[in-house]
Structures are given as C-alpha cells and as structure tokens.
Protein backbone atom coordinates (compact mmCIF):
# COMPACT_ATOMS: atom_id res chain seq x y z
CA MET A 1 72.07 -62.50 -204.00
CA ILE A 2 68.36 -61.91 -203.29
CA THR A 3 67.11 -62.17 -199.71
CA GLN A 4 63.68 -62.04 -198.12
CA TYR A 5 63.48 -59.96 -194.96
CA ALA A 6 60.86 -58.71 -192.52
CA VAL A 7 59.70 -55.10 -192.35
CA ALA A 8 57.50 -53.56 -189.65
CA GLU A 9 54.76 -51.21 -190.68
CA PRO A 10 52.29 -49.70 -188.20
CA GLY A 11 50.49 -52.69 -186.67
CA LYS A 12 51.86 -55.33 -189.04
CA VAL A 13 54.96 -57.06 -190.41
CA VAL A 14 55.44 -58.03 -194.06
CA LEU A 15 58.08 -59.85 -196.09
CA LYS A 16 60.01 -57.96 -198.74
CA THR A 17 62.98 -58.78 -200.97
CA LYS A 18 66.22 -56.98 -201.70
CA GLU A 19 69.57 -57.70 -203.29
CA LEU A 20 72.65 -58.09 -201.13
CA ALA A 21 76.15 -57.09 -202.17
CA LYS A 22 79.21 -59.19 -201.41
CA PRO A 23 80.66 -58.64 -197.94
CA GLY A 24 82.97 -55.65 -197.70
CA PRO A 25 85.90 -55.08 -195.34
CA GLY A 26 85.09 -56.35 -191.86
CA GLN A 27 81.78 -57.89 -192.95
CA VAL A 28 80.40 -61.43 -193.06
CA LEU A 29 77.54 -62.85 -195.10
CA LEU A 30 75.25 -65.00 -192.99
CA GLU A 31 72.64 -67.62 -193.84
CA ALA A 32 69.95 -67.57 -191.19
CA GLU A 33 68.79 -70.72 -189.45
CA TYR A 34 66.51 -69.39 -186.69
CA SER A 35 65.44 -66.04 -185.32
CA THR A 36 63.23 -65.25 -182.35
CA ILE A 37 60.46 -62.86 -181.41
CA SER A 38 60.52 -60.41 -178.51
CA MET A 39 56.91 -59.62 -177.61
CA GLY A 40 57.35 -56.36 -175.66
CA THR A 41 60.06 -54.61 -177.64
CA GLU A 42 58.69 -55.54 -181.03
CA ASN A 43 55.11 -54.64 -180.12
CA ALA A 44 56.44 -51.18 -179.22
CA LEU A 45 58.33 -51.03 -182.52
CA MET A 46 55.21 -51.99 -184.49
CA GLY A 47 53.33 -49.23 -182.69
CA ASN A 48 55.78 -46.58 -183.92
CA HIS A 49 57.03 -45.96 -180.35
CA ILE A 50 60.77 -46.62 -180.84
CA VAL A 51 61.82 -45.39 -184.30
CA PRO A 52 59.77 -44.10 -187.25
CA LEU A 53 58.30 -46.88 -189.40
CA PRO A 54 58.74 -48.68 -191.73
CA GLN A 55 61.80 -50.44 -190.27
CA PRO A 56 63.39 -53.89 -190.40
CA ILE A 57 62.32 -55.96 -187.40
CA GLY A 58 63.96 -58.68 -185.34
CA TYR A 59 67.18 -58.66 -183.33
CA SER A 60 68.02 -62.19 -182.22
CA MET A 61 69.39 -64.53 -184.89
CA ALA A 62 71.31 -67.81 -185.06
CA ALA A 63 73.07 -68.24 -188.42
CA ARG A 64 76.11 -69.62 -190.24
CA VAL A 65 78.84 -67.74 -192.04
CA ILE A 66 78.76 -68.42 -195.78
CA GLU A 67 81.25 -65.76 -196.94
CA VAL A 68 83.77 -63.47 -195.25
CA GLY A 69 84.97 -60.09 -196.43
CA PRO A 70 88.49 -58.64 -196.36
CA GLU A 71 90.05 -58.00 -192.95
CA VAL A 72 87.83 -60.57 -191.17
CA THR A 73 90.05 -62.78 -189.01
CA ASP A 74 87.70 -64.08 -186.30
CA PHE A 75 85.31 -66.07 -188.52
CA LYS A 76 85.51 -68.54 -191.38
CA VAL A 77 82.95 -70.10 -193.72
CA GLY A 78 80.74 -72.59 -191.87
CA ASP A 79 81.10 -71.03 -188.42
CA PRO A 80 77.89 -70.86 -186.35
CA VAL A 81 77.21 -67.41 -184.91
CA VAL A 82 74.53 -65.41 -183.14
CA THR A 83 73.85 -61.79 -183.99
CA THR A 84 71.46 -58.92 -183.41
CA GLY A 85 70.49 -58.99 -187.06
CA GLN A 86 67.01 -58.45 -188.45
CA HIS A 87 64.74 -61.31 -189.57
CA ALA A 88 66.08 -62.32 -193.01
CA GLN A 89 67.16 -65.36 -195.05
CA PHE A 90 70.60 -63.89 -195.71
CA LEU A 91 72.13 -60.81 -194.16
CA LEU A 92 75.32 -58.81 -194.21
CA MET A 93 76.69 -58.02 -190.77
CA ASP A 94 79.81 -56.40 -189.42
CA ALA A 95 81.86 -59.19 -187.89
CA LYS A 96 82.05 -57.22 -184.64
CA ASN A 97 78.25 -57.61 -184.32
CA CYS A 98 78.54 -61.40 -184.28
CA THR A 99 79.38 -63.72 -181.40
CA PRO A 100 80.71 -67.21 -182.19
CA ALA A 101 78.47 -70.07 -181.15
CA PRO A 102 80.08 -73.33 -180.02
CA HIS A 103 79.93 -76.11 -182.58
CA GLY A 104 77.22 -78.59 -181.66
CA VAL A 105 74.95 -76.09 -179.89
CA ASP A 106 71.21 -76.35 -180.57
CA MET A 107 70.81 -73.42 -182.96
CA GLN A 108 67.08 -73.13 -182.27
CA GLN A 109 67.77 -72.47 -178.60
CA ALA A 110 70.82 -70.36 -179.42
CA ALA A 111 68.57 -67.94 -181.30
CA PHE A 112 67.12 -66.86 -177.93
CA PHE A 113 70.52 -65.56 -176.82
CA ASN A 114 69.48 -61.92 -176.77
CA LEU A 115 66.71 -62.30 -174.20
CA ALA A 116 68.73 -64.89 -172.29
CA HIS A 117 71.71 -62.63 -171.77
CA THR A 118 69.36 -59.99 -170.38
CA GLY A 119 68.67 -62.51 -167.63
CA MET A 120 72.39 -63.17 -167.25
CA TYR A 121 73.04 -59.45 -166.77
CA ALA A 122 70.43 -59.40 -164.01
CA ILE A 123 72.14 -62.32 -162.27
CA ARG A 124 75.54 -60.60 -162.49
CA ARG A 125 74.20 -57.29 -161.16
CA THR A 126 72.39 -58.74 -158.16
CA GLY A 127 75.34 -60.94 -157.18
CA ILE A 128 73.26 -63.86 -155.91
CA LYS A 129 75.03 -65.87 -153.24
CA LEU A 130 74.67 -69.61 -152.73
CA GLY A 131 71.61 -70.26 -150.58
CA GLU A 132 69.95 -66.85 -150.92
CA PRO A 133 66.16 -66.96 -151.16
CA THR A 134 65.17 -65.45 -154.50
CA LEU A 135 61.90 -64.32 -156.09
CA VAL A 136 61.28 -63.88 -159.83
CA MET A 137 58.07 -61.96 -160.49
CA GLY A 138 56.76 -62.80 -163.95
CA GLN A 139 57.33 -65.95 -165.98
CA GLY A 140 57.33 -64.57 -169.46
CA LEU A 141 60.33 -65.56 -171.54
CA VAL A 142 62.84 -63.28 -169.81
CA GLY A 143 61.53 -64.09 -166.33
CA ALA A 144 61.53 -67.83 -166.99
CA ILE A 145 65.11 -67.80 -168.26
CA THR A 146 66.17 -65.60 -165.33
CA ALA A 147 64.68 -68.15 -162.94
CA GLN A 148 66.74 -70.94 -164.53
CA LEU A 149 69.89 -68.85 -164.27
CA ALA A 150 69.12 -67.94 -160.65
CA ARG A 151 68.86 -71.64 -159.87
CA LEU A 152 72.25 -72.20 -161.50
CA ALA A 153 73.67 -69.32 -159.43
CA GLY A 154 72.59 -71.01 -156.20
CA ALA A 155 69.26 -69.38 -155.31
CA MET A 156 67.51 -71.40 -152.60
CA PRO A 157 64.60 -71.52 -152.31
CA LEU A 158 63.58 -70.14 -155.68
CA ILE A 159 60.09 -68.62 -155.87
CA VAL A 160 58.33 -67.50 -159.05
CA THR A 161 55.00 -65.78 -159.60
CA ASP A 162 52.76 -65.36 -162.62
CA LEU A 163 49.07 -65.05 -163.44
CA ASP A 164 49.25 -67.84 -166.06
CA ASP A 165 49.11 -71.37 -164.61
CA ARG A 166 50.67 -72.84 -167.75
CA ARG A 167 53.78 -70.75 -167.20
CA LEU A 168 53.87 -71.79 -163.56
CA ASP A 169 53.68 -75.46 -164.60
CA ASN A 170 56.70 -74.86 -166.84
CA ALA A 171 58.55 -73.31 -163.92
CA ARG A 172 57.86 -76.32 -161.69
CA LYS A 173 59.18 -78.65 -164.38
CA MET A 174 62.36 -76.57 -164.56
CA GLY A 175 63.10 -76.92 -160.87
CA VAL A 176 61.70 -73.97 -158.88
CA GLN A 177 60.67 -74.69 -155.29
CA TYR A 178 57.54 -72.48 -155.27
CA ALA A 179 55.37 -71.40 -158.22
CA ILE A 180 52.56 -69.09 -157.11
CA ASN A 181 49.61 -67.47 -158.87
CA PRO A 182 48.84 -64.32 -156.81
CA LYS A 183 45.35 -64.07 -158.33
CA THR A 184 44.15 -67.58 -157.48
CA GLN A 185 46.35 -68.03 -154.38
CA PRO A 186 45.96 -64.76 -152.46
CA GLY A 187 48.29 -64.53 -149.50
CA GLU A 188 50.33 -67.58 -150.52
CA LEU A 189 53.42 -65.58 -151.52
CA GLU A 190 53.49 -63.80 -148.17
CA ARG A 191 52.97 -67.11 -146.33
CA VAL A 192 55.89 -68.72 -148.15
CA ILE A 193 58.15 -65.75 -147.49
CA GLU A 194 57.28 -65.82 -143.79
CA SER A 195 58.04 -69.55 -143.63
CA ILE A 196 61.53 -68.99 -145.03
CA GLY A 197 62.42 -66.88 -142.00
CA TRP A 198 64.60 -64.18 -143.56
CA GLY A 199 62.27 -61.30 -142.79
CA GLY A 200 61.77 -60.77 -146.51
CA ILE A 201 63.45 -61.85 -149.74
CA PRO A 202 67.06 -60.73 -150.31
CA VAL A 203 66.95 -60.92 -154.13
CA ILE A 204 63.89 -60.02 -156.21
CA PHE A 205 63.70 -59.84 -160.01
CA GLU A 206 60.71 -57.87 -161.32
CA ALA A 207 59.98 -59.01 -164.89
CA THR A 208 56.22 -58.52 -165.29
CA GLY A 209 56.06 -55.27 -167.22
CA ALA A 210 53.49 -53.95 -164.72
CA ARG A 211 53.82 -51.29 -162.03
CA LYS A 212 52.03 -52.99 -159.12
CA PRO A 213 54.51 -55.91 -158.80
CA LEU A 214 57.41 -53.45 -158.56
CA ASP A 215 55.66 -51.69 -155.65
CA GLN A 216 55.09 -55.11 -154.08
CA ALA A 217 58.76 -56.03 -154.53
CA PHE A 218 59.70 -53.00 -152.42
CA GLU A 219 57.41 -54.31 -149.68
CA LEU A 220 58.79 -57.86 -149.84
CA VAL A 221 62.53 -57.19 -150.12
CA SER A 222 64.53 -57.89 -146.97
CA GLU A 223 66.90 -55.52 -145.23
CA ARG A 224 69.90 -54.77 -147.43
CA GLY A 225 68.28 -56.78 -150.19
CA ARG A 226 68.30 -56.10 -153.94
CA VAL A 227 65.42 -55.47 -156.33
CA MET A 228 66.28 -55.90 -159.99
CA MET A 229 63.99 -53.88 -162.29
CA MET A 230 63.95 -55.88 -165.54
CA SER A 231 60.85 -54.42 -167.19
CA GLN A 232 59.69 -50.92 -168.01
CA VAL A 233 56.22 -49.45 -167.61
CA HIS A 234 55.23 -46.27 -169.42
CA GLY A 235 52.91 -43.90 -167.59
CA GLY A 236 51.24 -44.53 -164.27
CA ASP A 237 52.29 -43.40 -160.84
CA ALA A 238 55.88 -43.55 -159.70
CA PRO A 239 56.60 -46.40 -157.28
CA GLN A 240 56.59 -45.61 -153.57
CA TYR A 241 60.00 -46.25 -152.08
CA ASP A 242 60.61 -43.95 -149.11
CA ASN A 243 59.70 -46.35 -146.30
CA ASN A 244 59.70 -49.74 -147.96
CA LEU A 245 63.05 -49.43 -149.76
CA MET A 246 65.15 -46.62 -148.31
CA GLN A 247 64.66 -47.45 -144.64
CA LYS A 248 65.64 -51.07 -145.28
CA GLY A 249 68.91 -50.04 -146.87
CA ALA A 250 67.78 -52.04 -149.89
CA THR A 251 69.02 -51.44 -153.43
CA LEU A 252 67.04 -50.89 -156.64
CA ILE A 253 69.05 -51.95 -159.70
CA GLY A 254 68.28 -50.99 -163.29
CA GLY A 255 68.36 -53.90 -165.72
CA TYR A 256 68.98 -52.13 -169.04
CA ILE A 257 71.34 -54.47 -170.86
CA ASN A 258 72.99 -51.77 -172.97
CA SER A 259 74.22 -49.95 -169.87
CA LYS A 260 77.37 -52.10 -170.03
CA PRO A 261 79.92 -52.58 -172.84
CA PHE A 262 78.96 -55.09 -175.51
CA ALA A 263 82.61 -56.13 -176.00
CA LEU A 264 86.06 -55.00 -174.96
CA LYS A 265 89.35 -55.13 -176.86
CA ARG A 266 92.71 -54.65 -175.20
CA ALA A 267 95.93 -53.04 -176.37
CA ASP A 268 99.09 -54.53 -174.86
CA LEU A 269 102.70 -53.49 -174.52
CA THR A 270 105.14 -55.95 -176.07
CA ILE A 271 108.89 -56.28 -176.48
CA LYS A 272 109.78 -56.26 -180.17
CA GLY A 273 113.40 -57.28 -179.95
CA GLU A 274 114.59 -54.16 -178.16
CA TRP A 275 113.85 -52.08 -175.09
CA PRO A 276 111.58 -50.39 -174.06
CA PRO A 277 108.27 -52.20 -174.71
CA VAL A 278 106.01 -50.63 -177.30
CA MET A 279 102.31 -50.94 -178.03
CA GLY A 280 101.35 -54.01 -180.03
CA ASP A 281 99.86 -53.73 -183.49
CA ASN A 282 96.53 -55.47 -182.82
CA LEU A 283 93.67 -55.18 -180.40
CA VAL A 284 92.72 -58.54 -178.90
CA ARG A 285 89.63 -59.78 -177.08
CA TYR A 286 89.64 -58.96 -173.36
CA VAL A 287 88.59 -61.99 -171.31
CA ASN A 288 88.48 -61.82 -167.53
CA SER A 289 85.85 -62.61 -164.93
CA ASP A 290 86.25 -59.17 -163.37
CA THR A 291 84.44 -57.65 -166.37
CA TRP A 292 81.51 -59.49 -167.95
CA THR A 293 80.62 -57.78 -171.21
CA SER A 294 77.50 -58.71 -173.16
CA ASP A 295 79.63 -60.65 -175.63
CA GLU A 296 81.19 -62.73 -172.85
CA ASP A 297 77.81 -63.35 -171.21
CA ILE A 298 76.37 -64.49 -174.55
CA ARG A 299 79.20 -67.02 -174.82
CA VAL A 300 78.32 -68.28 -171.34
CA ILE A 301 74.64 -68.60 -172.29
CA LEU A 302 75.53 -70.58 -175.41
CA ASN A 303 77.74 -72.94 -173.41
CA PHE A 304 74.98 -73.43 -170.83
CA ILE A 305 72.70 -74.44 -173.72
CA LYS A 306 75.28 -76.71 -175.34
CA PHE A 307 76.07 -78.59 -172.14
CA GLY A 308 72.45 -78.86 -170.97
CA SER A 309 72.51 -76.48 -167.99
CA LEU A 310 70.00 -74.11 -169.62
CA ASN A 311 67.02 -75.54 -171.49
CA ILE A 312 64.91 -73.06 -173.43
CA THR A 313 63.00 -75.70 -175.43
CA PRO A 314 60.07 -75.96 -172.94
CA LEU A 315 59.57 -72.20 -173.30
CA ILE A 316 59.11 -72.35 -177.09
CA SER A 317 55.34 -72.06 -177.51
CA HIS A 318 55.25 -71.38 -181.28
CA ARG A 319 57.37 -72.32 -184.27
CA PHE A 320 56.82 -70.51 -187.56
CA GLU A 321 58.17 -70.92 -191.08
CA PHE A 322 59.46 -67.59 -192.35
CA GLU A 323 56.57 -67.35 -194.82
CA GLU A 324 54.26 -67.18 -191.78
CA ILE A 325 55.95 -64.12 -190.31
CA SER A 326 52.88 -61.87 -190.78
CA LYS A 327 50.82 -64.38 -188.79
CA ALA A 328 53.48 -64.49 -186.07
CA TYR A 329 53.48 -60.72 -185.70
CA ASP A 330 49.71 -60.52 -185.62
CA MET A 331 50.09 -62.37 -182.31
CA VAL A 332 52.72 -59.86 -181.18
CA TRP A 333 50.57 -56.89 -182.15
CA ASN A 334 47.59 -58.32 -180.24
CA LEU A 335 49.81 -59.25 -177.25
CA ASP A 336 48.48 -62.79 -177.49
CA PRO A 337 49.13 -64.39 -174.07
CA ASN A 338 49.59 -67.78 -175.72
CA LEU A 339 52.81 -66.58 -177.36
CA LEU A 340 55.62 -67.19 -174.88
CA GLY A 341 58.64 -68.09 -176.98
CA GLY A 342 58.29 -67.67 -180.73
CA VAL A 343 60.93 -68.94 -183.15
CA ILE A 344 61.11 -68.48 -186.93
CA ARG A 345 62.80 -71.08 -189.13
CA TRP A 346 64.55 -69.70 -192.20
CA LYS A 347 66.43 -72.68 -193.62
CA LYS A 348 64.40 -75.49 -195.15
C-alpha cells in the first residue's frame, strides 16, 4: 500500500510517498480521517530545535482501523481511534499507541485530543474546587480548551485574557464570565480581581508562551493558590518568585504532559482451581479515578466531545485538504496569528 505523508524540512513541510507493509504483531493499519496542527511545537520542529530534520511531522490524528496484525486484541476493523501518529493518509501504529474513540464522536473534533488532554492534565493537577475563581491567561487553542474544562470543573467566576479580541469573543460565546484584553483594557483585570474579594485568584493557568504573564500570575495568585505553567519560554530572565509566590505559600505547577504515565496495565493474582493464588497470564487496563493516565484523560475528552460538554468546533479557524499541507505549514512557520485551530482532512 502506498501512502502520502508529511515531512518537515527546515522552514517548510512537503508531502512524500512511501510503501507500507502489512501490520506486524501488535500493530494496526489506520486510515486517517483528520489530523491537527500544533503551532508552537511544530514551529519549533520546523526550525530544527527539537530533533534533526528532515522528520515526519504531526502528532494528533483521528483515524479508523482497516487491518489488525497478530496479537492485537483491543481493536477490530472499523474501530475509530485517536493516535499520536504523523500526518499521513495511511499509517502503521503499535496498538498500544492508539486510544479507542467512542462510536458516534465527531472525528474532526476528536483529532484535537492531544492538545485537549494537555488542558485536562492542568485541570487535574490544580485540583479546581467548585466555586473557585479561576484565571486562564492566553486564549490560544490550549488556553481556550483549558478554559472550557475549568468551567466544567466548577470554576466561578472564570476569567480569561488575551491580546486578540477575536479569541476573547470566542471565549464569551463559550461561557466565561470575564474576557479581558490587557492591552486595550489596562487595569481591568486587577479591577475584576479586586471585585471578587478573594485577595487574589486561587487558580491561574498561564498559557501564553510569554514570560511577562507568568511574572504577573505570581503577583495575582492568592494565598495558598496555584499557578499552572502550561507554556515554555526559551531565554529571557527567570521569573521573580521570592516575595510574590513563596511568601504567599502559593504553588507553581509544571504542566508537561509527559511527566505522568501514558497508560497503566495491571497484573492480578487469581485462583486457578487450587490454592494459593498465582499471577494471572495477562495484563489488563488499569482504570481508577485515583490515577488519571493520559490514556484515561483522552477517553474523558472524547466523551466530553461526544456528549456535547466540550465543543472545539468554534476554535477551528482553518480547514485544509491534505494536498494543501505546505500552505498550512507556511502559516505555522510564520506564526500567523490568524491560525488558531488548524485541521487537515485526509479522507475524501
């Protein structure tokens, strides 16, 4: 089988073709439906800052299983899945790199699972309580999804900030109580925080990718509050935290999604007709709300989408056919501010 796939070269992305073998043990063959673009990570990849180029690009795909290899027991032909696979028409993946998607889910929205579960991780780590005032700084794709999830978790009131009024309009439509542009509304964020009466904001998500908002978050966080650092800035001065963080007893939390297990399997003792119990033959999926792995959070995200609690559609600013992938990544390379959520359609 011949597939077309995307390859990053310094400053650009091109389509190439290659032949795929049949799936081997533990593998599945997928037919892509949609994949999505991550502006920050993939701009860094195109700039040769992550791994040496050329490299395949893309890591958030919604697809269907069209063939299963030996030893695959969790998937069958026709199953919808999401995976961290590269942009491609068809791709071979280890089954363990795939998460089942619920039947009936909007696959276009499901393709955004990878950025969405970054937001879910941030919600888990901060432990938002019902009624806690919450601030999300930055309404790019990750920040906008995080704001929706914070609302679902019970944040009240929910405040968001951004320098782009179009993104703030989106946030208002999705149910935030305050959407503030610090550039055109100087002092408004501080006024709103004072009116809330908590002496600061107990939960702050910093998702701007800039250093100054992180410094500001340390100033705005309340006593014993939590600041979630969701973006990374290279270079520049280190944030100042001695007085405005330490003396409040506040907590700075790192938001790197791969700092937790992607999935867990359990081995169980069983009685096989005689005593004593012995270890079972198979590892099985570990499911419990005391441990939220990435795989389990992805399943939650997909159910939120299926049942209408999370709506990513208003955040999709651009839709591309796969033949337009070079055009799409020109926007990524130039950090085009008009590109919020970009989705690539692979199946005609």
